[in-house]
Amino acid sequence: MKFPLGFYSFGKNIGIKDDSLDFAVIYSENRCKAAAVFTRNNFPGAPIYVGRDHIKDGYLQAIVINSKNSNVATGEQGIKNSYQICIELGKSLGIPAEDILPSSTGVIGVPLPIEKILNACSTAKSDLKPGNLEEVAEAIMTTDTRKKISYRTITNQAGEGVMFGIAKGAGMIEPNMATMLSYILCDYLPESSDLPGILKRVVDVTYNCVTIDSDTSTSDTVVLMCSGVLGTIPDDVFESHLKEIATDLSKMIARDGEGASKLIELTVSHGRDDMQVTKIGKSILNSPLVKTAIYGGDPNWGRFVMAIGKVFDEPIPYDSLEIQLGGISVKGADNSTKTKLAEYLKSNEEIHISVILNTGSFQKTFWSCDFTEGYIQENAYYTT
């Protein structure tokens, strides 16, 4: 595994909830150009307020994350705690608190065990190791069952650089301008230095196209940090690698949805525009009836028609509508076709759906997962 130059990190257990890793720090020896996008939920976590404040000047040098507690719905004290975490970590690392972005993920409405976190911040510098980002990917997990990591090597005259991304997320996921938690680091800068513009474009066609359960989290955050120690690369090359990594991570998140047994990839094509395609794509993937049919291998294609038809403000002519599962056309399926559809759904862990609207030329791909008994079990007893 390769890491971008000059980045150090660690993950450790500080006893927030259990004995798994629950605290992490990412640090760059160089101050980085940075951009971030955050949840649009009207009740964002305390770290979101602080993160928005600290990213305003477009620079960061460190990220601090705790899991098992989201520091959401904790009032003014929660915000004060997030600022204090940055101050204490800044002292340890010898950098301004304003160059640190905090993140928290986990249970909502419970005060942070702030003393445990501040103690961990005070000794953070001695815990740092070169690279080591796979440890951070583990420390940020909550109901995730696996680490989510994707990276690319990039070579130019200055040498071989790395763009490295990690993410967490398995439930309470329908991003809007952000995603669960994701951090992407690079030792190159795009030639334009337009990190906010590039990040937003990539997020809109990757993380914002993931939905597990239609619930927009209070803590969603994506951060992009670039040290530029190897110079610059063309914007299109930088954006292409970023999109590949974000797509990888988006699919990993969808595949690891709470209780999931199948990844669903839906492409809605020949639509009028982004608004129409997104409304219909999300309506299909957020339908419990569609998601349970895919889990059970039930070739009930009428549920797809229902999910498209309930987008009341985007009426689609039925006669020109096309729906395919695994390349098999489903409208008006006879018994033989239904048997083939059932076999496809039951025998594959990655389900491909194509919906052709024939209202224009716009196309977009979305990712989700099926609904299983495991989703109910996971969420019925999450805080216990």
Protein backbone atom coordinates (compact mmCIF):
# COMPACT_ATOMS: atom_id res chain seq x y z
CA MET A 1 0.00 0.00 0.00
CA LYS A 2 1.37 3.43 -0.98
CA PHE A 3 0.71 6.73 0.80
CA PRO A 4 1.11 10.38 -0.19
CA LEU A 5 4.35 11.97 0.99
CA GLY A 6 4.53 13.79 4.29
CA PHE A 7 1.30 12.46 5.81
CA TYR A 8 1.29 10.80 9.25
CA SER A 9 -1.59 9.24 11.12
CA PHE A 10 -2.79 6.82 13.77
CA GLY A 11 -5.90 5.12 15.09
CA LYS A 12 -6.31 3.95 18.67
CA ASN A 13 -8.86 3.00 21.29
CA ILE A 14 -9.52 5.60 23.98
CA GLY A 15 -12.54 3.90 25.54
CA ILE A 16 -15.41 5.90 24.06
CA LYS A 17 -17.77 2.92 23.82
CA ASP A 18 -16.01 -0.43 23.43
CA ASP A 19 -12.56 -1.89 22.81
CA SER A 20 -12.36 -1.20 19.06
CA LEU A 21 -10.40 1.69 17.57
CA ASP A 22 -12.38 4.88 18.16
CA PHE A 23 -10.01 7.85 17.75
CA ALA A 24 -7.80 8.93 14.85
CA VAL A 25 -5.61 11.80 13.68
CA ILE A 26 -4.30 12.59 10.19
CA TYR A 27 -1.44 15.13 10.04
CA SER A 28 0.56 16.63 7.19
CA GLU A 29 4.03 18.01 7.81
CA ASN A 30 3.13 20.63 5.20
CA ARG A 31 0.16 22.98 5.40
CA CYS A 32 -2.26 21.80 2.71
CA LYS A 33 -4.63 23.43 0.30
CA ALA A 34 -7.98 21.93 1.22
CA ALA A 35 -11.69 21.82 0.44
CA ALA A 36 -14.63 20.16 2.11
CA VAL A 37 -18.34 19.59 1.66
CA PHE A 38 -20.77 18.91 4.48
CA THR A 39 -24.26 17.61 5.20
CA ARG A 40 -27.26 19.81 4.42
CA ASN A 41 -29.24 18.34 7.31
CA ASN A 42 -30.83 21.17 9.32
CA PHE A 43 -29.43 19.72 12.56
CA PRO A 44 -25.74 19.21 11.74
CA GLY A 45 -23.29 17.86 14.28
CA ALA A 46 -21.14 20.25 16.29
CA PRO A 47 -18.01 19.32 14.26
CA ILE A 48 -19.76 20.55 11.10
CA TYR A 49 -20.01 24.08 12.51
CA VAL A 50 -16.34 24.03 13.43
CA GLY A 51 -15.28 22.40 10.16
CA ARG A 52 -17.10 25.03 8.10
CA ASP A 53 -15.33 27.72 10.12
CA HIS A 54 -11.86 26.20 9.84
CA ILE A 55 -12.02 25.42 6.09
CA LYS A 56 -13.04 28.97 5.13
CA ASP A 57 -9.48 30.03 4.24
CA GLY A 58 -8.93 26.93 2.09
CA TYR A 59 -6.14 25.40 4.22
CA LEU A 60 -5.83 22.49 6.64
CA GLN A 61 -2.95 20.60 8.22
CA ALA A 62 -4.71 17.96 10.31
CA ILE A 63 -7.96 16.07 10.79
CA VAL A 64 -9.15 14.62 14.10
CA ILE A 65 -11.91 12.02 14.21
CA ASN A 66 -13.72 10.12 16.92
CA SER A 67 -16.22 7.32 16.36
CA LYS A 68 -18.97 5.82 18.57
CA ASN A 69 -20.32 9.31 19.40
CA SER A 70 -21.43 11.86 16.77
CA ASN A 71 -21.52 14.99 18.97
CA VAL A 72 -24.91 15.83 17.43
CA ALA A 73 -27.81 17.50 19.26
CA THR A 74 -25.44 18.45 22.08
CA GLY A 75 -26.06 22.22 21.95
CA GLU A 76 -23.52 24.95 22.54
CA GLN A 77 -21.43 22.67 24.74
CA GLY A 78 -20.95 20.26 21.85
CA ILE A 79 -19.62 23.08 19.66
CA LYS A 80 -17.33 24.29 22.45
CA ASN A 81 -16.03 20.74 22.81
CA SER A 82 -15.21 20.52 19.09
CA TYR A 83 -13.29 23.78 19.23
CA GLN A 84 -11.47 22.61 22.36
CA ILE A 85 -10.44 19.36 20.67
CA CYS A 86 -8.81 21.36 17.87
CA ILE A 87 -7.06 23.65 20.37
CA GLU A 88 -5.63 20.73 22.36
CA LEU A 89 -4.53 18.84 19.26
CA GLY A 90 -2.98 21.99 17.84
CA LYS A 91 -0.84 22.32 20.96
CA SER A 92 0.40 18.75 20.58
CA LEU A 93 1.15 19.07 16.84
CA GLY A 94 2.50 22.61 17.03
CA ILE A 95 0.01 24.00 14.50
CA PRO A 96 -2.87 26.50 14.71
CA ALA A 97 -6.21 25.08 15.87
CA GLU A 98 -7.77 26.76 12.83
CA ASP A 99 -5.83 24.38 10.55
CA ILE A 100 -7.54 21.34 12.08
CA LEU A 101 -10.86 19.89 10.95
CA PRO A 102 -12.82 17.79 13.49
CA SER A 103 -15.21 14.93 12.69
CA SER A 104 -17.37 12.77 14.91
CA THR A 105 -19.56 9.80 14.01
CA GLY A 106 -21.75 7.48 16.04
CA VAL A 107 -24.73 7.77 18.37
CA ILE A 108 -26.72 11.04 18.26
CA GLY A 109 -27.71 13.04 21.33
CA VAL A 110 -25.05 11.85 23.78
CA PRO A 111 -22.43 14.28 25.17
CA LEU A 112 -18.85 13.56 24.14
CA PRO A 113 -16.56 11.95 26.73
CA ILE A 114 -14.52 15.08 26.30
CA GLU A 115 -11.80 14.38 28.87
CA LYS A 116 -10.90 11.09 27.17
CA ILE A 117 -10.66 12.85 23.82
CA LEU A 118 -8.65 15.81 25.13
CA ASN A 119 -6.20 13.42 26.81
CA ALA A 120 -5.75 11.58 23.51
CA CYS A 121 -5.20 14.88 21.70
CA SER A 122 -2.51 15.95 24.17
CA THR A 123 -0.34 12.92 23.32
CA ALA A 124 -1.22 12.71 19.63
CA LYS A 125 2.15 13.72 18.22
CA SER A 126 3.90 10.74 19.81
CA ASP A 127 1.35 8.33 18.27
CA LEU A 128 1.82 9.46 14.67
CA LYS A 129 3.32 7.04 12.12
CA PRO A 130 4.21 7.64 8.47
CA GLY A 131 1.30 6.82 6.17
CA ASN A 132 -0.65 4.33 8.31
CA LEU A 133 -3.99 5.46 6.87
CA GLU A 134 -5.42 1.95 6.91
CA GLU A 135 -5.45 2.27 10.71
CA VAL A 136 -7.51 5.46 10.42
CA ALA A 137 -9.90 3.69 8.05
CA GLU A 138 -10.53 1.16 10.82
CA ALA A 139 -10.82 3.73 13.60
CA ILE A 140 -13.61 5.67 11.88
CA MET A 141 -15.85 2.61 11.46
CA THR A 142 -19.14 2.32 13.37
CA THR A 143 -21.57 -0.25 11.94
CA ASP A 144 -19.24 -0.80 8.96
CA THR A 145 -18.11 -4.40 8.54
CA ARG A 146 -14.95 -3.57 6.57
CA LYS A 147 -12.44 -0.79 5.95
CA LYS A 148 -13.00 1.33 2.86
CA ILE A 149 -9.80 2.36 1.07
CA SER A 150 -8.95 3.35 -2.50
CA TYR A 151 -5.82 4.95 -3.93
CA ARG A 152 -4.07 5.72 -7.20
CA THR A 153 -0.43 6.36 -8.04
CA ILE A 154 0.30 9.36 -10.26
CA THR A 155 3.62 9.83 -12.03
CA ASN A 156 5.12 12.93 -13.64
CA GLN A 157 8.53 14.58 -13.90
CA ALA A 158 8.63 15.19 -10.13
CA GLY A 159 8.24 11.50 -9.34
CA GLU A 160 5.53 9.13 -8.25
CA GLY A 161 2.77 10.64 -6.14
CA VAL A 162 -0.29 9.14 -4.51
CA MET A 163 -3.93 10.12 -4.13
CA PHE A 164 -5.32 8.16 -1.19
CA GLY A 165 -8.94 7.98 0.00
CA ILE A 166 -10.73 6.41 2.94
CA ALA A 167 -14.38 6.43 3.94
CA LYS A 168 -16.84 5.11 6.47
CA GLY A 169 -20.55 4.64 6.18
CA ALA A 170 -23.11 1.88 6.27
CA GLY A 171 -26.39 3.45 7.38
CA MET A 172 -28.22 6.78 7.71
CA ILE A 173 -27.05 7.48 4.18
CA GLU A 174 -28.53 9.57 1.45
CA PRO A 175 -25.88 12.23 0.95
CA ASN A 176 -26.72 15.74 -0.14
CA MET A 177 -23.63 17.82 -0.95
CA ALA A 178 -21.46 15.41 0.99
CA THR A 179 -21.27 11.84 2.22
CA MET A 180 -20.84 9.87 5.44
CA LEU A 181 -17.18 10.53 6.32
CA SER A 182 -14.49 10.52 3.66
CA TYR A 183 -10.96 11.91 3.56
CA ILE A 184 -8.84 12.12 0.41
CA LEU A 185 -5.17 13.14 0.52
CA CYS A 186 -2.72 13.88 -2.29
CA ASP A 187 0.84 15.12 -2.73
CA TYR A 188 -0.08 16.88 -6.01
CA LEU A 189 -2.22 19.96 -6.62
CA PRO A 190 -4.36 20.55 -9.71
CA GLU A 191 -2.90 23.29 -11.88
CA SER A 192 -5.83 25.62 -11.22
CA SER A 193 -5.78 24.99 -7.44
CA ASP A 194 -9.59 24.94 -7.69
CA LEU A 195 -10.11 22.24 -5.07
CA PRO A 196 -13.66 23.36 -4.11
CA GLY A 197 -14.89 23.27 -7.71
CA ILE A 198 -13.28 19.94 -8.52
CA LEU A 199 -14.47 18.34 -5.28
CA LYS A 200 -18.06 19.48 -5.77
CA ARG A 201 -18.20 18.16 -9.34
CA VAL A 202 -16.86 14.78 -8.24
CA VAL A 203 -19.09 14.54 -5.17
CA ASP A 204 -22.20 15.26 -7.24
CA VAL A 205 -21.63 12.19 -9.45
CA THR A 206 -20.26 9.81 -6.81
CA TYR A 207 -21.06 10.19 -3.10
CA ASN A 208 -24.28 12.10 -3.79
CA CYS A 209 -25.44 9.14 -5.87
CA VAL A 210 -25.36 6.72 -2.92
CA THR A 211 -28.44 5.96 -0.85
CA ILE A 212 -28.79 3.21 1.73
CA ASP A 213 -32.00 4.19 3.50
CA SER A 214 -32.96 7.73 2.34
CA ASP A 215 -31.77 9.29 5.63
CA THR A 216 -29.37 12.22 5.27
CA SER A 217 -26.90 12.00 8.14
CA THR A 218 -26.24 14.89 10.50
CA SER A 219 -22.47 14.36 10.19
CA ASP A 220 -21.72 13.86 6.49
CA THR A 221 -18.31 15.23 5.55
CA VAL A 222 -15.88 14.92 2.64
CA VAL A 223 -12.42 16.49 2.95
CA LEU A 224 -9.77 16.87 0.23
CA MET A 225 -6.23 17.84 1.37
CA CYS A 226 -3.38 18.43 -1.08
CA SER A 227 0.16 19.20 0.05
CA GLY A 228 1.49 19.97 -3.42
CA VAL A 229 4.97 18.78 -2.45
CA LEU A 230 5.34 17.16 -5.89
CA GLY A 231 3.97 20.17 -7.73
CA THR A 232 0.93 20.27 -9.98
CA ILE A 233 -0.79 18.07 -12.53
CA PRO A 234 -3.43 19.03 -15.12
CA ASP A 235 -6.90 19.55 -13.69
CA ASP A 236 -8.43 16.84 -15.87
CA VAL A 237 -5.87 14.26 -14.68
CA PHE A 238 -6.39 15.24 -11.04
CA GLU A 239 -10.18 15.18 -11.35
CA SER A 240 -10.16 11.84 -13.17
CA HIS A 241 -8.20 10.15 -10.37
CA LEU A 242 -10.38 11.78 -7.72
CA LYS A 243 -13.53 10.57 -9.47
CA GLU A 244 -12.17 7.02 -9.71
CA ILE A 245 -11.37 6.95 -5.99
CA ALA A 246 -14.71 8.50 -5.00
CA THR A 247 -16.55 6.00 -7.20
CA ASP A 248 -14.68 3.09 -5.60
CA LEU A 249 -15.51 4.35 -2.11
CA SER A 250 -19.15 5.04 -3.01
CA LYS A 251 -19.60 1.47 -4.20
CA MET A 252 -17.85 0.12 -1.09
CA ILE A 253 -20.25 2.11 1.10
CA ALA A 254 -23.29 0.84 -0.78
CA ARG A 255 -22.03 -2.75 -0.74
CA ASP A 256 -21.51 -2.50 3.03
CA GLY A 257 -24.96 -1.09 3.77
CA GLU A 258 -26.32 -2.25 7.11
CA GLY A 259 -27.39 -5.88 6.74
CA ALA A 260 -26.85 -5.78 2.97
CA SER A 261 -26.35 -8.89 0.87
CA LYS A 262 -26.29 -7.23 -2.57
CA LEU A 263 -24.85 -4.12 -4.18
CA ILE A 264 -27.30 -2.42 -6.54
CA GLU A 265 -26.03 -0.28 -9.40
CA LEU A 266 -28.73 1.67 -11.23
CA THR A 267 -28.17 3.66 -14.40
CA VAL A 268 -30.93 6.05 -15.44
CA SER A 269 -30.36 7.16 -19.02
CA HIS A 270 -31.91 9.22 -21.80
CA GLY A 271 -33.43 11.57 -19.24
CA ARG A 272 -34.30 15.24 -19.62
CA ASP A 273 -31.76 16.59 -17.12
CA ASP A 274 -30.01 15.92 -13.82
CA MET A 275 -33.08 16.83 -11.75
CA GLN A 276 -35.37 14.37 -13.50
CA VAL A 277 -32.85 11.54 -13.53
CA THR A 278 -31.91 12.03 -9.86
CA LYS A 279 -35.51 12.15 -8.64
CA ILE A 280 -36.36 8.93 -10.43
CA GLY A 281 -33.10 7.17 -9.53
CA LYS A 282 -33.51 7.94 -5.82
CA SER A 283 -37.20 7.00 -5.90
CA ILE A 284 -36.33 3.53 -7.20
CA LEU A 285 -33.43 2.88 -4.82
CA ASN A 286 -35.25 4.26 -1.77
CA SER A 287 -38.29 2.05 -2.28
CA PRO A 288 -38.46 -0.64 0.44
CA LEU A 289 -40.53 -2.75 -1.95
CA VAL A 290 -37.85 -2.62 -4.64
CA LYS A 291 -35.04 -3.28 -2.17
CA THR A 292 -36.80 -6.24 -0.51
CA ALA A 293 -37.72 -7.75 -3.89
CA ILE A 294 -34.06 -7.67 -4.89
CA TYR A 295 -33.09 -9.30 -1.59
CA GLY A 296 -35.66 -12.06 -2.02
CA GLY A 297 -34.99 -12.65 -5.72
CA ASP A 298 -38.62 -11.76 -6.49
CA PRO A 299 -39.01 -10.73 -10.18
CA ASN A 300 -41.77 -8.26 -9.30
CA TRP A 301 -41.01 -5.72 -12.03
CA GLY A 302 -44.19 -3.80 -11.27
CA ARG A 303 -42.45 -2.36 -8.21
CA PHE A 304 -40.02 -0.54 -10.49
CA VAL A 305 -42.90 0.93 -12.45
CA MET A 306 -44.52 2.01 -9.18
CA ALA A 307 -41.33 3.71 -7.97
CA ILE A 308 -40.99 5.66 -11.22
CA GLY A 309 -44.67 6.56 -11.32
CA LYS A 310 -44.75 7.94 -7.77
CA VAL A 311 -42.44 10.79 -8.81
CA PHE A 312 -45.58 12.85 -9.36
CA ASP A 313 -43.90 15.94 -10.82
CA GLU A 314 -41.93 13.94 -13.41
CA PRO A 315 -44.49 11.94 -15.40
CA ILE A 316 -42.78 9.50 -17.77
CA PRO A 317 -44.69 8.08 -20.78
CA TYR A 318 -45.17 4.39 -20.02
CA ASP A 319 -45.02 3.26 -23.62
CA SER A 320 -41.49 4.63 -24.15
CA LEU A 321 -40.15 3.60 -20.73
CA GLU A 322 -37.62 0.74 -20.71
CA ILE A 323 -36.49 -1.23 -17.64
CA GLN A 324 -33.80 -3.90 -17.60
CA LEU A 325 -32.40 -6.11 -14.83
CA GLY A 326 -29.08 -7.67 -15.74
CA GLY A 327 -29.74 -6.77 -19.36
CA ILE A 328 -33.12 -8.54 -19.34
CA SER A 329 -36.08 -6.38 -20.37
CA VAL A 330 -38.78 -6.65 -17.71
CA LYS A 331 -41.86 -4.77 -18.94
CA GLY A 332 -44.62 -7.27 -19.57
CA ALA A 333 -42.35 -10.18 -18.63
CA ASP A 334 -43.86 -13.62 -19.26
CA ASN A 335 -43.31 -16.58 -16.95
CA SER A 336 -40.12 -17.65 -18.73
CA THR A 337 -38.65 -14.16 -18.42
CA LYS A 338 -39.66 -13.97 -14.75
CA THR A 339 -37.79 -17.22 -14.12
CA LYS A 340 -34.66 -15.75 -15.72
CA LEU A 341 -35.04 -12.57 -13.64
CA ALA A 342 -35.40 -14.57 -10.42
CA GLU A 343 -32.28 -16.58 -11.25
CA TYR A 344 -30.34 -13.38 -11.95
CA LEU A 345 -31.41 -11.74 -8.68
CA LYS A 346 -30.72 -14.83 -6.58
CA SER A 347 -27.37 -15.79 -8.10
CA ASN A 348 -25.61 -12.40 -8.15
CA GLU A 349 -24.24 -10.21 -5.36
CA GLU A 350 -24.04 -7.21 -7.69
CA ILE A 351 -27.31 -6.28 -9.37
CA HIS A 352 -27.32 -4.01 -12.42
CA ILE A 353 -30.49 -2.11 -13.29
CA SER A 354 -31.02 0.07 -16.34
CA VAL A 355 -33.93 2.49 -16.65
CA ILE A 356 -34.29 4.28 -19.98
CA LEU A 357 -36.65 7.25 -19.80
CA ASN A 358 -36.48 8.40 -23.43
CA THR A 359 -37.15 12.01 -22.47
CA GLY A 360 -33.70 13.39 -23.39
CA SER A 361 -30.00 12.51 -23.38
CA PHE A 362 -28.90 12.88 -19.72
CA GLN A 363 -27.47 9.85 -17.86
CA LYS A 364 -26.40 9.16 -14.28
CA THR A 365 -25.46 6.11 -12.19
CA PHE A 366 -26.55 5.48 -8.58
CA TRP A 367 -25.64 2.89 -5.95
CA SER A 368 -27.55 1.26 -3.12
CA CYS A 369 -28.12 -2.13 -1.50
CA ASP A 370 -30.95 -4.49 -0.70
CA PHE A 371 -32.97 -4.51 2.51
CA THR A 372 -32.58 -7.63 4.66
CA GLU A 373 -33.58 -8.78 8.12
CA GLY A 374 -30.11 -7.64 9.17
CA TYR A 375 -30.99 -3.98 8.56
CA ILE A 376 -33.84 -4.22 11.06
CA GLN A 377 -31.69 -5.99 13.63
CA GLU A 378 -28.82 -3.51 13.26
CA ASN A 379 -30.98 -0.42 13.68
CA ALA A 380 -33.51 -1.67 16.22
CA TYR A 381 -30.78 -2.20 18.79
CA TYR A 382 -28.03 0.23 17.68
CA THR A 383 -27.66 2.17 20.95
CA THR A 384 -27.80 -0.86 23.24
